[in-house]
Amino acid sequence: MEEWIAFVFSALRKYYSSKFGQSKEFNSQFAGEIFGEALFNAVGHGNRFHPEKLTKLGVWLGSKGTIFAIEDEGNFFKDESIKNKILSRSHIKSTATQETGGGGTGGLEYIYQTDEIAIEGNTLFLMVTANRFFE
């Protein structure tokens, strides 16, 4: 898994470096916080760490930005209140700890750094404009 993530970040760096040149350095920490937390949430909150459940990943690179898609086989997004809080970016630390069983919103704060969030079924889509990887 780590090799796959390293490959994705390498592709992001190479793809967008041609657009931004070498004057700015790729922020792999920013990319890792967003993508890593979304992946962890799918495995943990969605699939409840069941090894027989699949987590599917997709990455689309475009001239204006990147879309990460993470799909799990769980029921997390079937709770409309959780789904709506994530989409509205209104999850605050005190309620997130109570609703998710601990951990606060550290992960959601990373996900909230994205430019757009969408949820379709069990798939979380995160869009980040290209220049944000080089800020």
C-alpha atoms as a PDB file:
ATOM      1  CA  MET A   1       0.000   0.000   0.000  1.00  0.00           C
ATOM      2  CA  GLU A   2       2.773   2.438   0.895  1.00  0.00           C
ATOM      3  CA  GLU A   3       4.371   1.865  -2.497  1.00  0.00           C
ATOM      4  CA  TRP A   4       1.111   2.688  -4.238  1.00  0.00           C
ATOM      5  CA  ILE A   5       0.707   5.912  -2.271  1.00  0.00           C
ATOM      6  CA  ALA A   6       4.316   6.879  -3.028  1.00  0.00           C
ATOM      7  CA  PHE A   7       3.586   6.239  -6.716  1.00  0.00           C
ATOM      8  CA  VAL A   8       0.498   8.495  -6.595  1.00  0.00           C
ATOM      9  CA  PHE A   9       2.457  11.322  -4.967  1.00  0.00           C
ATOM     10  CA  SER A  10       5.297  10.899  -7.443  1.00  0.00           C
ATOM     11  CA  ALA A  11       2.803  11.146 -10.310  1.00  0.00           C
ATOM     12  CA  LEU A  12       1.236  14.277  -8.759  1.00  0.00           C
ATOM     13  CA  ARG A  13       4.649  15.878  -8.344  1.00  0.00           C
ATOM     14  CA  LYS A  14       5.772  15.106 -11.894  1.00  0.00           C
ATOM     15  CA  TYR A  15       2.457  15.999 -13.516  1.00  0.00           C
ATOM     16  CA  TYR A  16       2.134  19.387 -11.861  1.00  0.00           C
ATOM     17  CA  SER A  17       5.836  20.283 -11.755  1.00  0.00           C
ATOM     18  CA  SER A  18       5.692  20.813 -15.498  1.00  0.00           C
ATOM     19  CA  LYS A  19       2.907  23.325 -14.923  1.00  0.00           C
ATOM     20  CA  PHE A  20       4.533  25.183 -12.034  1.00  0.00           C
ATOM     21  CA  GLY A  21       8.184  24.610 -12.910  1.00  0.00           C
ATOM     22  CA  GLN A  22      10.844  24.049 -10.329  1.00  0.00           C
ATOM     23  CA  SER A  23      10.274  27.395  -8.600  1.00  0.00           C
ATOM     24  CA  LYS A  24       7.908  25.814  -6.078  1.00  0.00           C
ATOM     25  CA  GLU A  25       8.274  22.527  -4.246  1.00  0.00           C
ATOM     26  CA  PHE A  26       5.521  19.914  -4.160  1.00  0.00           C
ATOM     27  CA  ASN A  27       3.907  19.768  -0.710  1.00  0.00           C
ATOM     28  CA  SER A  28       3.703  16.017  -0.151  1.00  0.00           C
ATOM     29  CA  GLN A  29       2.630  16.558   3.472  1.00  0.00           C
ATOM     30  CA  PHE A  30      -0.476  18.444   2.318  1.00  0.00           C
ATOM     31  CA  ALA A  31      -1.315  15.705  -0.205  1.00  0.00           C
ATOM     32  CA  GLY A  32      -0.641  12.984   2.357  1.00  0.00           C
ATOM     33  CA  GLU A  33      -2.812  14.565   5.035  1.00  0.00           C
ATOM     34  CA  ILE A  34      -5.812  14.732   2.728  1.00  0.00           C
ATOM     35  CA  PHE A  35      -5.434  11.434   0.924  1.00  0.00           C
ATOM     36  CA  GLY A  36      -4.150   9.482   3.929  1.00  0.00           C
ATOM     37  CA  GLU A  37      -6.926  10.630   6.221  1.00  0.00           C
ATOM     38  CA  ALA A  38      -9.632   9.890   3.662  1.00  0.00           C
ATOM     39  CA  LEU A  39      -8.189   6.408   3.184  1.00  0.00           C
ATOM     40  CA  PHE A  40      -7.943   5.803   6.947  1.00  0.00           C
ATOM     41  CA  ASN A  41     -11.539   6.964   7.428  1.00  0.00           C
ATOM     42  CA  ALA A  42     -12.782   4.583   4.713  1.00  0.00           C
ATOM     43  CA  VAL A  43     -10.968   1.636   6.276  1.00  0.00           C
ATOM     44  CA  GLY A  44     -11.799   2.572   9.877  1.00  0.00           C
ATOM     45  CA  HIS A  45     -15.184   4.299   9.901  1.00  0.00           C
ATOM     46  CA  GLY A  46     -16.538   2.792   6.695  1.00  0.00           C
ATOM     47  CA  ASN A  47     -15.296  -0.789   6.731  1.00  0.00           C
ATOM     48  CA  ARG A  48     -14.674  -0.938  10.487  1.00  0.00           C
ATOM     49  CA  PHE A  49     -11.250  -2.521   9.841  1.00  0.00           C
ATOM     50  CA  HIS A  50     -12.845  -5.705   8.441  1.00  0.00           C
ATOM     51  CA  PRO A  51     -10.122  -7.221   6.233  1.00  0.00           C
ATOM     52  CA  GLU A  52     -12.662  -8.899   3.951  1.00  0.00           C
ATOM     53  CA  LYS A  53     -14.219  -5.547   2.983  1.00  0.00           C
ATOM     54  CA  LEU A  54     -12.730  -3.714   0.022  1.00  0.00           C
ATOM     55  CA  THR A  55     -11.582  -0.115  -0.125  1.00  0.00           C
ATOM     56  CA  LYS A  56     -11.299   1.239  -3.668  1.00  0.00           C
ATOM     57  CA  LEU A  57      -9.136   4.201  -4.574  1.00  0.00           C
ATOM     58  CA  GLY A  58      -9.143   6.445  -7.607  1.00  0.00           C
ATOM     59  CA  VAL A  59      -7.052   9.445  -8.584  1.00  0.00           C
ATOM     60  CA  TRP A  60      -7.776  11.723 -11.543  1.00  0.00           C
ATOM     61  CA  LEU A  61      -5.189  14.302 -12.573  1.00  0.00           C
ATOM     62  CA  GLY A  62      -6.258  17.265 -14.666  1.00  0.00           C
ATOM     63  CA  SER A  63      -4.763  20.562 -15.685  1.00  0.00           C
ATOM     64  CA  LYS A  64      -6.811  22.405 -13.064  1.00  0.00           C
ATOM     65  CA  GLY A  65      -6.542  19.912 -10.216  1.00  0.00           C
ATOM     66  CA  THR A  66      -6.845  16.432  -8.795  1.00  0.00           C
ATOM     67  CA  ILE A  67      -9.804  14.369  -7.691  1.00  0.00           C
ATOM     68  CA  PHE A  68      -9.309  11.646  -5.093  1.00  0.00           C
ATOM     69  CA  ALA A  69     -12.100   9.068  -4.788  1.00  0.00           C
ATOM     70  CA  ILE A  70     -12.241   6.595  -1.908  1.00  0.00           C
ATOM     71  CA  GLU A  71     -15.019   4.001  -1.759  1.00  0.00           C
ATOM     72  CA  ASP A  72     -15.662   1.574   1.072  1.00  0.00           C
ATOM     73  CA  GLU A  73     -18.219  -1.151   1.765  1.00  0.00           C
ATOM     74  CA  GLY A  74     -19.472   0.255   5.065  1.00  0.00           C
ATOM     75  CA  ASN A  75     -22.512   2.176   6.249  1.00  0.00           C
ATOM     76  CA  PHE A  76     -20.882   5.385   7.497  1.00  0.00           C
ATOM     77  CA  PHE A  77     -22.384   7.698   4.858  1.00  0.00           C
ATOM     78  CA  LYS A  78     -25.841   6.158   5.197  1.00  0.00           C
ATOM     79  CA  ASP A  79     -26.254   8.303   8.308  1.00  0.00           C
ATOM     80  CA  GLU A  80     -27.500  11.514   6.665  1.00  0.00           C
ATOM     81  CA  SER A  81     -26.523  13.670   9.656  1.00  0.00           C
ATOM     82  CA  ILE A  82     -22.871  12.587   9.396  1.00  0.00           C
ATOM     83  CA  LYS A  83     -22.923  12.958   5.614  1.00  0.00           C
ATOM     84  CA  ASN A  84     -24.413  16.457   5.844  1.00  0.00           C
ATOM     85  CA  LYS A  85     -21.923  17.577   8.505  1.00  0.00           C
ATOM     86  CA  ILE A  86     -19.019  16.440   6.359  1.00  0.00           C
ATOM     87  CA  LEU A  87     -20.416  18.107   3.245  1.00  0.00           C
ATOM     88  CA  SER A  88     -21.147  21.347   5.115  1.00  0.00           C
ATOM     89  CA  ARG A  89     -17.745  21.208   6.842  1.00  0.00           C
ATOM     90  CA  SER A  90     -19.502  21.932  10.134  1.00  0.00           C
ATOM     91  CA  HIS A  91     -18.058  19.101  12.212  1.00  0.00           C
ATOM     92  CA  ILE A  92     -16.572  20.621  15.344  1.00  0.00           C
ATOM     93  CA  LYS A  93     -14.219  18.844  17.725  1.00  0.00           C
ATOM     94  CA  SER A  94     -16.629  18.252  20.585  1.00  0.00           C
ATOM     95  CA  THR A  95     -19.374  16.689  18.468  1.00  0.00           C
ATOM     96  CA  ALA A  96     -17.012  14.725  16.244  1.00  0.00           C
ATOM     97  CA  THR A  97     -15.472  13.011  19.248  1.00  0.00           C
ATOM     98  CA  GLN A  98     -18.906  11.964  20.492  1.00  0.00           C
ATOM     99  CA  GLU A  99     -20.252  10.851  17.111  1.00  0.00           C
ATOM    100  CA  THR A 100     -17.246   8.955  15.817  1.00  0.00           C
ATOM    101  CA  GLY A 101     -16.201   7.390  19.083  1.00  0.00           C
ATOM    102  CA  GLY A 102     -13.101   9.458  19.656  1.00  0.00           C
ATOM    103  CA  GLY A 103     -10.298  10.987  17.725  1.00  0.00           C
ATOM    104  CA  GLY A 104     -11.748  14.483  17.364  1.00  0.00           C
ATOM    105  CA  THR A 105     -11.784  16.087  13.939  1.00  0.00           C
ATOM    106  CA  GLY A 106      -8.086  15.895  13.146  1.00  0.00           C
ATOM    107  CA  GLY A 107      -8.860  13.875  10.069  1.00  0.00           C
ATOM    108  CA  LEU A 108     -11.808  15.967   9.034  1.00  0.00           C
ATOM    109  CA  GLU A 109      -9.718  19.092   9.345  1.00  0.00           C
ATOM    110  CA  TYR A 110      -7.360  17.584   6.762  1.00  0.00           C
ATOM    111  CA  ILE A 111     -10.241  16.659   4.488  1.00  0.00           C
ATOM    112  CA  TYR A 112     -11.707  20.145   4.908  1.00  0.00           C
ATOM    113  CA  GLN A 113      -8.522  21.558   3.336  1.00  0.00           C
ATOM    114  CA  THR A 114      -9.827  20.372  -0.036  1.00  0.00           C
ATOM    115  CA  ASP A 115     -11.566  22.745  -2.426  1.00  0.00           C
ATOM    116  CA  GLU A 116     -14.614  20.544  -2.999  1.00  0.00           C
ATOM    117  CA  ILE A 117     -16.143  17.559  -1.208  1.00  0.00           C
ATOM    118  CA  ALA A 118     -18.818  15.265  -2.633  1.00  0.00           C
ATOM    119  CA  ILE A 119     -20.321  12.006  -1.441  1.00  0.00           C
ATOM    120  CA  GLU A 120     -22.104   9.568  -3.720  1.00  0.00           C
ATOM    121  CA  GLY A 121     -23.196   6.327  -2.102  1.00  0.00           C
ATOM    122  CA  ASN A 122     -20.139   4.995  -0.269  1.00  0.00           C
ATOM    123  CA  THR A 123     -17.677   7.076  -2.266  1.00  0.00           C
ATOM    124  CA  LEU A 124     -16.016  10.219  -0.967  1.00  0.00           C
ATOM    125  CA  PHE A 125     -14.719  12.569  -3.679  1.00  0.00           C
ATOM    126  CA  LEU A 126     -12.150  15.215  -2.774  1.00  0.00           C
ATOM    127  CA  MET A 127     -11.058  17.865  -5.290  1.00  0.00           C
ATOM    128  CA  VAL A 128      -7.916  19.921  -4.854  1.00  0.00           C
ATOM    129  CA  THR A 129      -6.827  22.623  -7.301  1.00  0.00           C
ATOM    130  CA  ALA A 130      -3.348  22.019  -8.697  1.00  0.00           C
ATOM    131  CA  ASN A 131      -1.678  25.122  -7.267  1.00  0.00           C
ATOM    132  CA  ARG A 132      -2.573  24.076  -3.713  1.00  0.00           C
ATOM    133  CA  PHE A 133      -0.026  21.243  -3.933  1.00  0.00           C
ATOM    134  CA  PHE A 134       2.690  23.877  -4.344  1.00  0.00           C
ATOM    135  CA  GLU A 135       1.724  26.502  -1.748  1.00  0.00           C
END
